[in-house]
Amino acid sequence: MNGLLILVPIALFLGGLGLAAFLWSLKNGQYDDLDGAAQRILFDEDDERREASK
């Protein structure tokens, strides 16, 4: 029973810390462009550079 007196506050603190980190990432725009990275990987930047140098 004494272990619960230590573990419950630690669990609540870590949960609050995770929630704070998630809210911070929302505030700083981490989830604004979800499709951009998925589309950027499909296009090769080297092709665009070669065409520009012609």
Protein backbone atom coordinates (compact mmCIF):
# COMPACT_ATOMS: atom_id res chain seq x y z
CA MET A 1 0.00 0.00 0.00
CA ASN A 2 2.89 2.37 0.70
CA GLY A 3 4.12 1.86 -2.84
CA LEU A 4 0.89 3.32 -4.22
CA LEU A 5 1.47 6.51 -2.24
CA ILE A 6 4.65 7.00 -4.23
CA LEU A 7 3.65 5.60 -7.62
CA VAL A 8 0.31 7.40 -8.08
CA PRO A 9 1.76 10.93 -7.80
CA ILE A 10 4.67 9.95 -10.05
CA ALA A 11 2.23 8.59 -12.66
CA LEU A 12 0.10 11.73 -12.47
CA PHE A 13 3.18 13.93 -12.84
CA LEU A 14 4.44 11.99 -15.87
CA GLY A 15 0.97 12.06 -17.45
CA GLY A 16 0.77 15.81 -16.94
CA LEU A 17 4.26 16.19 -18.39
CA GLY A 18 3.22 14.24 -21.49
CA LEU A 19 0.07 16.33 -21.85
CA ALA A 20 2.09 19.54 -21.52
CA ALA A 21 4.54 18.35 -24.20
CA PHE A 22 1.65 17.49 -26.53
CA LEU A 23 -0.02 20.86 -26.03
CA TRP A 24 3.32 22.61 -26.59
CA SER A 25 3.78 20.77 -29.88
CA LEU A 26 0.27 21.78 -30.97
CA LYS A 27 0.99 25.40 -30.11
CA ASN A 28 4.24 25.40 -32.10
CA GLY A 29 2.64 24.01 -35.27
CA GLN A 30 4.08 20.50 -35.32
CA TYR A 31 0.86 19.09 -36.81
CA ASP A 32 0.04 21.83 -39.33
CA ASP A 33 1.29 20.16 -42.51
CA LEU A 34 0.71 16.42 -42.26
CA ASP A 35 0.77 15.76 -46.02
CA GLY A 36 3.80 17.86 -46.89
CA ALA A 37 6.47 15.40 -45.76
CA ALA A 38 4.66 12.51 -47.42
CA GLN A 39 4.58 14.36 -50.74
CA ARG A 40 8.10 15.79 -50.52
CA ILE A 41 9.62 12.31 -50.44
CA LEU A 42 8.07 11.51 -53.83
CA PHE A 43 9.78 14.34 -55.70
CA ASP A 44 13.48 14.42 -56.50
CA GLU A 45 15.08 17.82 -56.04
CA ASP A 46 18.02 16.87 -58.26
CA ASP A 47 15.72 16.71 -61.31
CA GLU A 48 14.54 20.27 -60.66
CA ARG A 49 18.14 21.49 -60.36
CA ARG A 50 19.14 19.81 -63.61
CA GLU A 51 16.21 21.38 -65.47
CA ALA A 52 17.01 24.81 -64.05
CA SER A 53 20.64 24.62 -65.15
CA LYS A 54 19.71 23.85 -68.81
